[in-house]
Amino acid sequence: MVMEALRDGPQTGADIARAVQARKQQLTYKRAYHRVYICLWNLKKRGLVRHEGRLWLAP
């Protein structure tokens, strides 16, 4: 879901968390935000996303 959100272009972690929460309504925003950031950092380690300022980008 994180990569799907980034297909629309660069976004902040909060924007991505809102997109995830909209699809998984049983998650609170706080929980979605936490999970998104864990996922983003793992994707960054694997070279699948970049972080520039406040924005996350899929290369």
Protein backbone atom coordinates (compact mmCIF):
# COMPACT_ATOMS: atom_id res chain seq x y z
CA MET A 1 0.00 0.00 0.00
CA VAL A 2 2.92 2.34 0.69
CA MET A 3 4.39 1.84 -2.77
CA GLU A 4 0.94 2.23 -4.29
CA ALA A 5 0.53 5.59 -2.54
CA LEU A 6 3.90 6.74 -3.88
CA ARG A 7 2.87 5.97 -7.48
CA ASP A 8 0.86 9.20 -7.36
CA GLY A 9 4.07 11.15 -6.74
CA PRO A 10 6.14 12.32 -3.78
CA GLN A 11 4.27 12.43 -0.48
CA THR A 12 4.91 13.02 3.18
CA GLY A 13 4.74 10.16 5.65
CA ALA A 14 1.53 11.64 7.04
CA ASP A 15 -0.07 11.65 3.56
CA ILE A 16 0.89 8.01 3.07
CA ALA A 17 -0.46 7.11 6.52
CA ARG A 18 -3.81 8.73 5.67
CA ALA A 19 -3.97 6.74 2.42
CA VAL A 20 -3.24 3.51 4.30
CA GLN A 21 -5.80 4.29 6.98
CA ALA A 22 -8.43 5.02 4.32
CA ARG A 23 -7.92 1.52 2.93
CA LYS A 24 -7.55 -0.21 6.32
CA GLN A 25 -10.22 1.52 8.35
CA GLN A 26 -9.73 -0.75 11.36
CA LEU A 27 -6.34 0.95 11.93
CA THR A 28 -6.19 4.16 13.91
CA TYR A 29 -4.27 6.98 12.27
CA LYS A 30 -1.55 6.72 14.93
CA ARG A 31 -1.08 3.00 14.27
CA ALA A 32 -1.11 3.50 10.48
CA TYR A 33 1.50 6.27 10.82
CA HIS A 34 3.75 4.02 12.90
CA ARG A 35 3.46 1.10 10.47
CA VAL A 36 4.03 3.33 7.44
CA TYR A 37 7.28 4.70 8.87
CA ILE A 38 8.58 1.23 9.70
CA CYS A 39 7.78 0.20 6.14
CA LEU A 40 9.34 3.35 4.63
CA TRP A 41 12.63 2.89 6.48
CA ASN A 42 12.80 -0.76 5.44
CA LEU A 43 12.09 0.19 1.82
CA LYS A 44 14.76 2.89 2.05
CA LYS A 45 17.34 0.37 3.26
CA ARG A 46 16.52 -1.79 0.22
CA GLY A 47 16.85 1.19 -2.14
CA LEU A 48 13.20 1.16 -3.18
CA VAL A 49 12.34 4.67 -1.93
CA ARG A 50 14.19 7.92 -1.29
CA HIS A 51 13.68 10.55 1.37
CA GLU A 52 14.17 14.21 0.40
CA GLY A 53 13.26 16.71 3.06
CA ARG A 54 9.77 15.83 4.23
CA LEU A 55 8.90 13.92 1.05
CA TRP A 56 9.22 10.26 0.20
CA LEU A 57 9.74 9.30 -3.45
CA ALA A 58 9.78 6.06 -5.37
CA PRO A 59 12.69 6.16 -7.83
